[in-house]
Amino acid sequence: MNELFLRRMKELLKDEYDAYISLLDEKPLKGLRVNTLKTDVQTCMKDTGISMTESPFAVNGYYIREERGLGLTPGYACGLFYLQEPSASAAVTVLAPEKGMKVLDLCAAPGSKSTQIAELLQNEGLLVCNEINTSRARILAENIERNGAANCIIFNNDTDEIAAAFEGYFDAVLCDAPCSGEGMIRKEENAAVMWSLQNVELCARRQRMIIENAYRCLAGGGVLVYSTCTLNKEENEYLIASFLKDHPDMHMEDAPVSFGRHGFAEGFETEKAVRIFPMDGGEGHFIARMRKDPGVNAQQLPVMESRLPANVRDVLDSILEKPYPYYFVKANRVYGGTYPFIMPKKLHLIRHQVFLGEIVRDRFEPSHHLFSSAYTDFKNCYDMNDEECLKYLHGEQLSASLAKGWYAMQWKGHTAGGAKCDGRALKNKYPKQYRLK
């Protein structure tokens, strides 16, 4: 390990340093969150057979034993759970989003915290997720899709572009800033080898810019949570103290949680922040909850409206138990959602709520996203046993004498995707990029 890093940790932890070092030799803790948009805890445990122990860091968060291959199971494909290191869920718990809120996840990939926010919103309100890295934004979209949220917009922009488009718009903003990753050393061996003081300083400068943009997005009276998975003060308490000094309309709040420990007192009540070390049952995290003084009401953004073509509506009516409250059609692509279709200018849109499908010539072709959405049940379902489900996830066609049309392919009552029946077989529509190899 880097000797300078170890000296800095000894100075930070003092009497707890030896306990910290000894824990680094242990395996990192494994965990998952049960996705309450699609199931409940008891059903998830029964249907997946996963042994879970309750985590203190999030509602529906659990420790699990070292189990490999969970990402290759029907339960994962159906979106019943999200694999996540247990204490990584703490930031959203501190944010405490509520149904009906407009929430921004500013640095969102791969989607761990975005999906957690979506589960708490329960498709009421709006979730905007942004990721500057294009390849990571695609992974974010995949995880949001599997999660089933019907009120999420995904952008692929720099944070200053998001701030310009959404000035004063959100009730709550999560700024889970890119950091030096000191808290992930037990999970990622390279984190210790690659550590440098120069990188810490570089991260702190970048984080200062990002939190300024998060602040710009926040409406008066709104909550901003800044979090990192690193341990030094430069990226945590020092940065928050500097930010609060420059913004007298922002104030630290006590976090509504009992886990972890207080931050270090470095002025401006930074001791109200939450710190998590390996000694606290997790990895390494810092979380600061701040509130903006009441002020001007959030800006209103224009709403895009569309009328569904009759042939599209007929297909959707044949598949869905209930219609989406809002629809939008652009360039023959059809979207549905539970929030009005806003569209700020000059942003790179990855996904606008639920991509329902595409109009190809005069035919509407439903998408996988339509079937993975948790908003509505489906009129026609085909119940797969374990063997059939694995065949389906591999992309195979299933024989079935059924009425022609579209079917939700279900495993133990949970939808994995869609298929189209020609009367003799179910033609597999599970996306090639998701199929098991």
Protein backbone atom coordinates (compact mmCIF):
# COMPACT_ATOMS: atom_id res chain seq x y z
CA MET A 1 0.00 0.00 0.00
CA ASN A 2 1.04 3.60 -0.54
CA GLU A 3 2.93 4.75 2.57
CA LEU A 4 1.66 8.34 2.37
CA PHE A 5 -1.93 7.09 2.22
CA LEU A 6 -1.37 4.94 5.31
CA ARG A 7 0.17 7.85 7.24
CA ARG A 8 -2.78 10.06 6.37
CA MET A 9 -5.25 7.38 7.46
CA LYS A 10 -3.42 6.95 10.77
CA GLU A 11 -3.67 10.68 11.37
CA LEU A 12 -7.37 10.63 10.47
CA LEU A 13 -8.38 7.57 12.51
CA LYS A 14 -5.92 7.72 15.41
CA ASP A 15 -6.84 4.93 17.87
CA GLU A 16 -9.02 3.15 15.30
CA TYR A 17 -6.27 2.87 12.71
CA ASP A 18 -5.28 -0.70 13.65
CA ALA A 19 -8.91 -1.86 13.48
CA TYR A 20 -9.23 -0.26 10.03
CA ILE A 21 -6.07 -1.95 8.73
CA SER A 22 -7.13 -5.36 10.01
CA LEU A 23 -10.51 -5.08 8.29
CA LEU A 24 -8.87 -4.35 4.92
CA ASP A 25 -7.70 -7.98 4.87
CA GLU A 26 -11.29 -9.23 5.07
CA LYS A 27 -13.54 -9.78 2.08
CA PRO A 28 -15.75 -6.84 1.11
CA LEU A 29 -19.37 -7.13 2.14
CA LYS A 30 -21.94 -8.15 -0.47
CA GLY A 31 -25.46 -6.84 -0.68
CA LEU A 32 -28.58 -6.16 -2.67
CA ARG A 33 -31.69 -4.01 -2.61
CA VAL A 34 -35.11 -5.52 -3.23
CA ASN A 35 -36.85 -3.58 -6.01
CA THR A 36 -40.21 -2.60 -4.55
CA LEU A 37 -41.43 -1.30 -7.90
CA LYS A 38 -41.71 -4.96 -8.93
CA THR A 39 -41.96 -7.10 -5.82
CA ASP A 40 -41.79 -7.16 -2.03
CA VAL A 41 -39.14 -8.57 0.28
CA GLN A 42 -40.96 -11.77 1.21
CA THR A 43 -41.82 -12.62 -2.40
CA CYS A 44 -38.28 -11.86 -3.57
CA MET A 45 -36.75 -14.12 -0.94
CA LYS A 46 -39.21 -16.94 -1.71
CA ASP A 47 -38.90 -16.76 -5.50
CA THR A 48 -35.13 -16.28 -5.74
CA GLY A 49 -34.05 -18.40 -2.78
CA ILE A 50 -31.43 -15.79 -1.83
CA SER A 51 -30.56 -15.72 1.87
CA MET A 52 -30.63 -12.11 3.11
CA THR A 53 -29.81 -10.30 6.34
CA GLU A 54 -31.22 -6.82 6.90
CA SER A 55 -28.86 -3.89 6.34
CA PRO A 56 -29.11 -0.67 8.40
CA PHE A 57 -28.28 1.54 5.43
CA ALA A 58 -31.50 1.42 3.40
CA VAL A 59 -35.07 0.28 3.55
CA ASN A 60 -35.19 -2.99 1.58
CA GLY A 61 -31.38 -3.19 1.68
CA TYR A 62 -29.76 -6.49 2.66
CA TYR A 63 -26.44 -8.22 3.23
CA ILE A 64 -26.01 -11.44 1.31
CA ARG A 65 -23.48 -14.23 1.54
CA GLU A 66 -20.80 -14.61 -1.12
CA GLU A 67 -23.07 -15.75 -3.94
CA ARG A 68 -21.78 -15.72 -7.51
CA GLY A 69 -23.81 -15.61 -10.66
CA LEU A 70 -26.85 -13.74 -9.32
CA GLY A 71 -26.67 -11.44 -12.35
CA LEU A 72 -27.33 -14.48 -14.56
CA THR A 73 -30.56 -15.55 -12.85
CA PRO A 74 -34.23 -15.06 -13.81
CA GLY A 75 -34.78 -12.92 -10.70
CA TYR A 76 -32.13 -10.47 -11.84
CA ALA A 77 -33.43 -10.40 -15.41
CA CYS A 78 -36.91 -9.62 -14.10
CA GLY A 79 -35.51 -6.72 -12.05
CA LEU A 80 -36.49 -8.10 -8.65
CA PHE A 81 -33.26 -6.90 -7.03
CA TYR A 82 -30.24 -4.70 -7.60
CA LEU A 83 -26.78 -5.89 -6.53
CA GLN A 84 -25.09 -3.20 -4.44
CA GLU A 85 -22.51 -2.95 -1.66
CA PRO A 86 -24.74 -2.35 1.39
CA SER A 87 -23.39 1.00 2.64
CA ALA A 88 -23.44 2.47 -0.90
CA SER A 89 -27.21 2.83 -0.43
CA ALA A 90 -26.73 5.24 2.49
CA ALA A 91 -26.61 8.46 0.43
CA VAL A 92 -30.14 8.03 -0.93
CA THR A 93 -31.39 7.18 2.56
CA VAL A 94 -29.94 10.49 3.76
CA LEU A 95 -31.51 12.30 0.79
CA ALA A 96 -34.89 10.77 1.75
CA PRO A 97 -36.82 11.51 -1.48
CA GLU A 98 -40.60 11.33 -1.20
CA LYS A 99 -43.36 10.54 -3.67
CA GLY A 100 -44.18 13.46 -5.97
CA MET A 101 -40.79 15.16 -5.71
CA LYS A 102 -38.67 16.27 -8.65
CA VAL A 103 -35.26 14.69 -8.02
CA LEU A 104 -31.94 14.96 -9.84
CA ASP A 105 -29.14 12.38 -9.70
CA LEU A 106 -26.38 14.49 -11.20
CA CYS A 107 -23.59 11.89 -11.57
CA ALA A 108 -25.75 8.83 -11.95
CA ALA A 109 -23.97 5.87 -13.60
CA PRO A 110 -24.12 2.97 -13.18
CA GLY A 111 -27.55 3.58 -11.63
CA SER A 112 -27.29 2.16 -8.11
CA LYS A 113 -28.58 5.32 -6.49
CA SER A 114 -30.91 6.26 -9.36
CA THR A 115 -32.78 2.97 -9.10
CA GLN A 116 -32.99 3.37 -5.33
CA ILE A 117 -34.50 6.85 -5.75
CA ALA A 118 -36.95 5.47 -8.33
CA GLU A 119 -38.09 2.81 -5.89
CA LEU A 120 -38.81 5.45 -3.24
CA LEU A 121 -40.68 7.72 -5.68
CA GLN A 122 -42.93 4.80 -6.73
CA ASN A 123 -43.55 6.42 -10.14
CA GLU A 124 -44.93 9.60 -8.56
CA GLY A 125 -42.94 12.74 -9.41
CA LEU A 126 -39.90 12.96 -11.68
CA LEU A 127 -36.38 11.52 -11.61
CA VAL A 128 -33.74 13.05 -13.88
CA CYS A 129 -30.47 11.12 -14.19
CA ASN A 130 -27.33 12.46 -15.82
CA GLU A 131 -24.03 10.84 -16.76
CA ILE A 132 -21.28 12.61 -18.70
CA ASN A 133 -19.56 9.43 -19.93
CA THR A 134 -21.43 8.02 -22.94
CA SER A 135 -20.65 4.33 -22.39
CA ARG A 136 -21.54 4.58 -18.71
CA ALA A 137 -24.76 6.40 -19.64
CA ARG A 138 -25.80 3.35 -21.67
CA ILE A 139 -25.21 1.11 -18.64
CA LEU A 140 -27.29 3.55 -16.57
CA ALA A 141 -30.13 3.29 -19.11
CA GLU A 142 -29.98 -0.52 -18.99
CA ASN A 143 -30.24 -0.57 -15.19
CA ILE A 144 -33.08 1.97 -15.14
CA GLU A 145 -34.91 -0.11 -17.75
CA ARG A 146 -34.58 -3.31 -15.73
CA ASN A 147 -35.67 -1.43 -12.61
CA GLY A 148 -39.01 -0.59 -14.26
CA ALA A 149 -39.32 3.11 -13.39
CA ALA A 150 -41.81 4.98 -15.60
CA ASN A 151 -40.88 8.53 -14.55
CA CYS A 152 -37.16 8.75 -15.33
CA ILE A 153 -35.33 10.89 -17.90
CA ILE A 154 -31.69 10.13 -18.69
CA PHE A 155 -29.23 12.68 -20.10
CA ASN A 156 -25.63 12.40 -21.27
CA ASN A 157 -24.23 15.88 -20.53
CA ASP A 158 -21.68 17.85 -18.57
CA THR A 159 -23.06 19.02 -15.24
CA ASP A 160 -22.86 22.70 -16.22
CA GLU A 161 -25.16 21.98 -19.19
CA ILE A 162 -27.65 20.31 -16.85
CA ALA A 163 -27.45 23.32 -14.52
CA ALA A 164 -28.12 25.74 -17.38
CA ALA A 165 -31.19 23.75 -18.45
CA PHE A 166 -32.63 23.08 -14.98
CA GLU A 167 -31.80 26.24 -13.02
CA GLY A 168 -33.72 26.13 -9.72
CA TYR A 169 -35.90 23.20 -10.82
CA PHE A 170 -35.49 20.30 -8.38
CA ASP A 171 -36.83 19.62 -4.89
CA ALA A 172 -33.87 17.35 -4.16
CA VAL A 173 -30.47 16.86 -5.77
CA LEU A 174 -28.02 14.01 -5.22
CA CYS A 175 -24.43 14.89 -6.07
CA ASP A 176 -22.54 11.60 -5.73
CA ALA A 177 -19.31 13.09 -6.99
CA PRO A 178 -16.48 11.21 -8.76
CA CYS A 179 -13.74 10.81 -6.17
CA SER A 180 -10.39 9.22 -5.37
CA GLY A 181 -12.12 6.07 -4.11
CA GLU A 182 -10.28 5.59 -0.84
CA GLY A 183 -13.36 3.93 0.63
CA MET A 184 -13.30 1.19 -2.00
CA ILE A 185 -9.83 -0.18 -1.27
CA ARG A 186 -11.22 -3.37 0.23
CA LYS A 187 -13.32 -3.92 -2.93
CA GLU A 188 -10.77 -2.84 -5.51
CA GLU A 189 -7.11 -3.68 -4.88
CA ASN A 190 -5.91 -1.24 -7.54
CA ALA A 191 -7.42 1.68 -5.61
CA ALA A 192 -4.59 1.49 -3.07
CA VAL A 193 -1.88 1.02 -5.68
CA MET A 194 -3.11 3.89 -7.86
CA TRP A 195 -3.67 6.33 -4.96
CA SER A 196 -1.83 9.66 -5.06
CA LEU A 197 -2.13 12.99 -3.31
CA GLN A 198 -2.22 14.66 -6.73
CA ASN A 199 -5.32 12.69 -7.62
CA VAL A 200 -6.99 13.67 -4.34
CA GLU A 201 -6.35 17.33 -5.12
CA LEU A 202 -7.55 16.92 -8.70
CA CYS A 203 -10.76 15.24 -7.52
CA ALA A 204 -11.42 17.98 -4.97
CA ARG A 205 -11.16 20.68 -7.66
CA ARG A 206 -13.51 18.79 -9.95
CA GLN A 207 -15.96 18.11 -7.13
CA ARG A 208 -16.07 21.83 -6.26
CA MET A 209 -17.20 22.59 -9.81
CA ILE A 210 -19.78 19.79 -9.78
CA ILE A 211 -21.35 20.80 -6.45
CA GLU A 212 -21.70 24.36 -7.75
CA ASN A 213 -23.75 23.01 -10.64
CA ALA A 214 -25.80 20.87 -8.26
CA TYR A 215 -26.55 24.00 -6.26
CA ARG A 216 -27.77 25.81 -9.37
CA CYS A 217 -30.28 23.03 -10.06
CA LEU A 218 -31.82 23.20 -6.59
CA ALA A 219 -35.09 25.03 -5.96
CA GLY A 220 -35.58 27.23 -2.90
CA GLY A 221 -36.26 25.10 0.17
CA GLY A 222 -34.78 22.04 -1.55
CA VAL A 223 -32.31 19.45 -0.22
CA LEU A 224 -28.85 18.83 -1.64
CA VAL A 225 -26.91 15.72 -0.66
CA TYR A 226 -23.21 15.58 -1.50
CA SER A 227 -21.57 12.18 -1.18
CA THR A 228 -18.31 10.42 -1.98
CA CYS A 229 -16.81 6.97 -1.46
CA THR A 230 -13.53 8.42 -0.24
CA LEU A 231 -12.15 9.15 3.23
CA ASN A 232 -9.90 12.23 3.19
CA LYS A 233 -11.05 15.63 4.39
CA GLU A 234 -10.02 17.48 1.20
CA GLU A 235 -12.83 15.85 -0.79
CA ASN A 236 -15.26 15.86 2.11
CA GLU A 237 -15.37 18.23 5.11
CA TYR A 238 -12.96 20.82 3.69
CA LEU A 239 -14.90 20.95 0.44
CA ILE A 240 -18.29 21.29 2.17
CA ALA A 241 -17.02 24.01 4.49
CA SER A 242 -15.69 25.96 1.52
CA PHE A 243 -18.96 25.51 -0.37
CA LEU A 244 -21.09 26.65 2.57
CA LYS A 245 -18.87 29.67 3.12
CA ASP A 246 -19.56 30.76 -0.46
CA HIS A 247 -23.30 30.04 -0.22
CA PRO A 248 -24.84 31.53 2.94
CA ASP A 249 -28.29 30.40 1.74
CA MET A 250 -27.22 26.75 2.23
CA HIS A 251 -27.13 25.09 5.64
CA MET A 252 -26.10 21.71 6.99
CA GLU A 253 -28.88 19.50 8.34
CA ASP A 254 -28.79 16.51 10.62
CA ALA A 255 -29.12 13.33 8.57
CA PRO A 256 -32.34 11.40 9.34
CA VAL A 257 -30.41 8.18 10.03
CA SER A 258 -28.86 6.26 12.92
CA PHE A 259 -26.07 4.43 11.07
CA GLY A 260 -22.47 5.56 10.66
CA ARG A 261 -20.80 8.32 12.68
CA HIS A 262 -20.50 12.10 12.64
CA GLY A 263 -18.21 13.91 10.25
CA PHE A 264 -15.19 15.88 11.48
CA ALA A 265 -15.83 19.42 12.74
CA GLU A 266 -14.17 21.72 10.22
CA GLY A 267 -16.53 24.68 10.46
CA PHE A 268 -20.04 25.33 9.13
CA GLU A 269 -21.36 22.33 11.11
CA THR A 270 -19.63 19.73 8.97
CA GLU A 271 -19.86 17.40 11.97
CA LYS A 272 -23.52 16.90 10.97
CA ALA A 273 -22.32 14.92 7.96
CA VAL A 274 -22.34 11.11 8.06
CA ARG A 275 -19.17 9.08 7.72
CA ILE A 276 -19.02 5.32 7.20
CA PHE A 277 -15.84 3.28 7.67
CA PRO A 278 -15.33 -0.49 7.43
CA MET A 279 -15.64 -0.50 11.22
CA ASP A 280 -19.28 0.61 10.75
CA GLY A 281 -20.46 -2.40 8.75
CA GLY A 282 -19.81 -1.02 5.28
CA GLU A 283 -16.99 0.26 3.13
CA GLY A 284 -16.08 3.98 3.06
CA HIS A 285 -18.53 6.85 2.49
CA PHE A 286 -19.09 10.51 3.30
CA ILE A 287 -22.57 12.06 3.08
CA ALA A 288 -23.55 15.69 3.74
CA ARG A 289 -27.20 16.82 3.72
CA MET A 290 -27.81 20.54 3.12
CA ARG A 291 -30.93 22.66 2.62
CA LYS A 292 -31.39 25.81 0.58
CA ASP A 293 -33.24 28.77 2.05
CA PRO A 294 -36.76 29.28 0.67
CA GLY A 295 -36.73 31.49 -2.38
CA VAL A 296 -38.09 31.83 -5.86
CA ASN A 297 -40.40 29.04 -6.98
CA ALA A 298 -38.90 26.43 -9.28
CA GLN A 299 -38.94 27.35 -12.94
CA GLN A 300 -41.54 25.77 -15.21
CA LEU A 301 -40.38 23.95 -18.32
CA PRO A 302 -42.43 23.62 -21.51
CA VAL A 303 -44.31 20.35 -22.00
CA MET A 304 -44.28 18.40 -25.25
CA GLU A 305 -47.62 16.93 -26.30
CA SER A 306 -48.39 14.24 -28.86
CA ARG A 307 -51.40 12.33 -30.09
CA LEU A 308 -50.97 8.59 -30.45
CA PRO A 309 -51.63 7.24 -33.93
CA ALA A 310 -54.68 4.96 -33.94
CA ASN A 311 -52.69 1.84 -34.91
CA VAL A 312 -50.27 2.41 -32.03
CA ARG A 313 -53.08 2.90 -29.54
CA ASP A 314 -54.78 -0.30 -30.73
CA VAL A 315 -51.59 -2.35 -30.14
CA LEU A 316 -50.97 -0.79 -26.74
CA ASP A 317 -54.59 -1.38 -25.71
CA SER A 318 -54.17 -5.05 -26.63
CA ILE A 319 -51.05 -5.38 -24.44
CA LEU A 320 -51.43 -3.09 -21.43
CA GLU A 321 -53.95 -3.36 -18.62
CA LYS A 322 -54.02 0.44 -18.28
CA PRO A 323 -52.74 3.29 -20.44
CA TYR A 324 -49.89 5.59 -19.48
CA PRO A 325 -50.99 9.05 -18.31
CA TYR A 326 -48.74 10.72 -20.89
CA TYR A 327 -47.47 9.83 -24.35
CA PHE A 328 -44.96 11.38 -26.72
CA VAL A 329 -44.06 10.49 -30.30
CA LYS A 330 -40.92 11.68 -32.08
CA ALA A 331 -39.30 10.34 -35.26
CA ASN A 332 -41.60 7.28 -35.16
CA ARG A 333 -40.45 6.41 -31.63
CA VAL A 334 -43.23 6.18 -29.05
CA TYR A 335 -42.78 6.97 -25.36
CA GLY A 336 -45.05 6.69 -22.34
CA GLY A 337 -44.66 8.01 -18.82
CA THR A 338 -46.22 9.07 -15.55
CA TYR A 339 -44.87 12.64 -15.74
CA PRO A 340 -45.55 15.28 -18.43
CA PHE A 341 -42.96 15.16 -21.22
CA ILE A 342 -40.65 18.09 -20.56
CA MET A 343 -37.64 18.65 -22.79
CA PRO A 344 -35.03 21.29 -21.99
CA LYS A 345 -33.17 22.48 -25.06
CA LYS A 346 -29.59 21.62 -25.98
CA LEU A 347 -29.31 18.44 -23.93
CA HIS A 348 -28.32 14.98 -25.17
CA LEU A 349 -31.30 12.79 -24.35
CA ILE A 350 -30.66 9.07 -23.78
CA ARG A 351 -34.12 8.00 -22.60
CA HIS A 352 -37.38 9.82 -21.88
CA GLN A 353 -39.39 7.78 -19.39
CA VAL A 354 -40.50 4.50 -21.09
CA PHE A 355 -39.57 3.75 -24.70
CA LEU A 356 -42.68 1.82 -25.73
CA GLY A 357 -41.69 0.95 -29.27
CA GLU A 358 -41.21 2.12 -32.82
CA ILE A 359 -43.45 2.68 -35.81
CA VAL A 360 -41.98 0.70 -38.72
CA ARG A 361 -43.83 1.58 -41.92
CA ASP A 362 -47.47 1.12 -40.85
CA ARG A 363 -46.69 -1.34 -38.05
CA PHE A 364 -46.00 -0.63 -34.37
CA GLU A 365 -43.22 -2.78 -32.92
CA PRO A 366 -43.27 -2.88 -29.08
CA SER A 367 -39.90 -2.61 -27.29
CA HIS A 368 -38.34 -4.62 -24.48
CA HIS A 369 -38.66 -1.49 -22.31
CA LEU A 370 -42.45 -1.68 -22.61
CA PHE A 371 -42.39 -5.13 -20.99
CA SER A 372 -39.76 -4.28 -18.35
CA SER A 373 -41.69 -1.25 -17.10
CA ALA A 374 -43.35 -1.71 -13.72
CA TYR A 375 -46.14 0.81 -14.35
CA THR A 376 -48.84 -1.56 -15.60
CA ASP A 377 -49.74 -5.23 -15.79
CA PHE A 378 -50.16 -7.04 -19.09
CA LYS A 379 -53.28 -8.57 -20.62
CA ASN A 380 -51.60 -11.60 -22.20
CA CYS A 381 -48.98 -13.47 -20.19
CA TYR A 382 -47.11 -16.72 -20.67
CA ASP A 383 -45.87 -18.39 -17.48
CA MET A 384 -42.44 -19.97 -17.97
CA ASN A 385 -40.99 -22.68 -15.78
CA ASP A 386 -37.31 -22.48 -14.80
CA GLU A 387 -36.14 -24.39 -17.88
CA GLU A 388 -38.23 -22.32 -20.29
CA CYS A 389 -37.10 -19.09 -18.66
CA LEU A 390 -33.43 -19.94 -19.11
CA LYS A 391 -34.10 -20.82 -22.75
CA TYR A 392 -35.88 -17.49 -23.18
CA LEU A 393 -32.99 -15.58 -21.57
CA HIS A 394 -30.63 -17.33 -24.00
CA GLY A 395 -32.74 -16.02 -26.88
CA GLU A 396 -34.45 -19.29 -27.83
CA GLN A 397 -37.93 -19.60 -29.32
CA LEU A 398 -40.57 -21.43 -27.24
CA SER A 399 -43.24 -23.68 -28.71
CA ALA A 400 -46.77 -22.72 -27.68
CA SER A 401 -50.23 -23.08 -29.23
CA LEU A 402 -51.71 -19.72 -28.30
CA ALA A 403 -53.72 -16.95 -29.88
CA LYS A 404 -51.65 -14.69 -32.11
CA GLY A 405 -50.30 -11.52 -30.53
CA TRP A 406 -47.89 -10.10 -27.98
CA TYR A 407 -47.19 -11.81 -24.64
CA ALA A 408 -45.42 -10.82 -21.45
CA MET A 409 -43.01 -13.66 -20.73
CA GLN A 410 -43.21 -14.29 -17.00
CA TRP A 411 -41.29 -16.34 -14.45
CA LYS A 412 -43.18 -16.92 -11.18
CA GLY A 413 -45.43 -14.01 -12.12
CA HIS A 414 -42.56 -11.59 -12.84
CA THR A 415 -42.06 -10.27 -16.38
CA ALA A 416 -38.68 -10.92 -18.01
CA GLY A 417 -39.55 -9.50 -21.44
CA GLY A 418 -41.84 -9.91 -24.41
CA ALA A 419 -42.55 -12.34 -27.23
CA LYS A 420 -44.84 -12.45 -30.25
CA CYS A 421 -46.89 -15.56 -30.92
CA ASP A 422 -47.77 -16.71 -34.45
CA GLY A 423 -50.14 -19.37 -33.14
CA ARG A 424 -47.52 -22.10 -32.89
CA ALA A 425 -44.46 -20.51 -31.27
CA LEU A 426 -43.43 -17.54 -29.17
CA LYS A 427 -40.90 -15.53 -31.16
CA ASN A 428 -38.25 -14.32 -28.72
CA LYS A 429 -37.95 -10.52 -28.39
CA TYR A 430 -35.48 -10.48 -25.48
CA PRO A 431 -32.69 -8.03 -26.54
CA LYS A 432 -29.58 -9.69 -27.93
CA GLN A 433 -27.26 -7.56 -25.76
CA TYR A 434 -28.95 -8.86 -22.57
CA ARG A 435 -29.06 -12.56 -23.50
CA LEU A 436 -27.19 -15.12 -21.48
CA LYS A 437 -24.14 -16.49 -23.26
